Amino acid sequence: MKFCPECGAAVELRCPPDDNRLRHVCTACATIHYHNPKLVIGSIPEWEDGRILLCRRAIEPRRGLWTLPAGFMENGETTTEAAIRETLEEANARIALGELYSMVNLPYINQVHLLFRARLLDLDFSAGAESLEVVLFEEQDIPWKAIAFRPVSMTLRDYFADRKADHFQFRMGDLAAPLP
């Protein structure tokens, strides 16, 4: 950030009084501009027979790889609204949203991923603008080596383990930066 969105003056990095981090502070109006983690919200859409809906990405990052329908939460919406919207945008799929299933912290890229259990309402789905294709997968057919994001892989592995145990539990974890 170089300029203040409030008044247009230059900003500088400094630690405001009673704070412990460097912040972008306007040199004219003294507005402090906080940069906080982004929320990535999505769903784990399951059909009646246990298959899970995955989307093959049409955009970067990780174009061509598979993921659950998810994306950045928008201002003015709830987490549940974001999960439903992202599923509709990426897979044109209608869902009945269940409980929050997983929360994965990625502090190295300032993100928190939240994934909800969901039930597909029908089989009328198709690739949205950000997907090349959408497919229902049985567990043994999941393209594990072509999963786009580590939080999705981690969540799916936990999900299938919980389903086998016939006991779903809220999962929370942290992921460190991948090794170079």
Foldseek 3Di string as FASTA:
>chain_A
DAADPVPGAGWDWDADPPGDGTFTAGPPPRDTDDDAFWEKAAEFEAEPVGWTKWFQFCDDDLHRFIFGQIGTDDPPDDRVVRHQVSCCQAKVWGWDWDAWAEWEAEVVRRYIYIYTYIYTPDPPIFGHPGGPTMDTGDPVRHPLVRHRDPVRSVSVVLVVVCVVVVHGDHYYYYDYDDDD
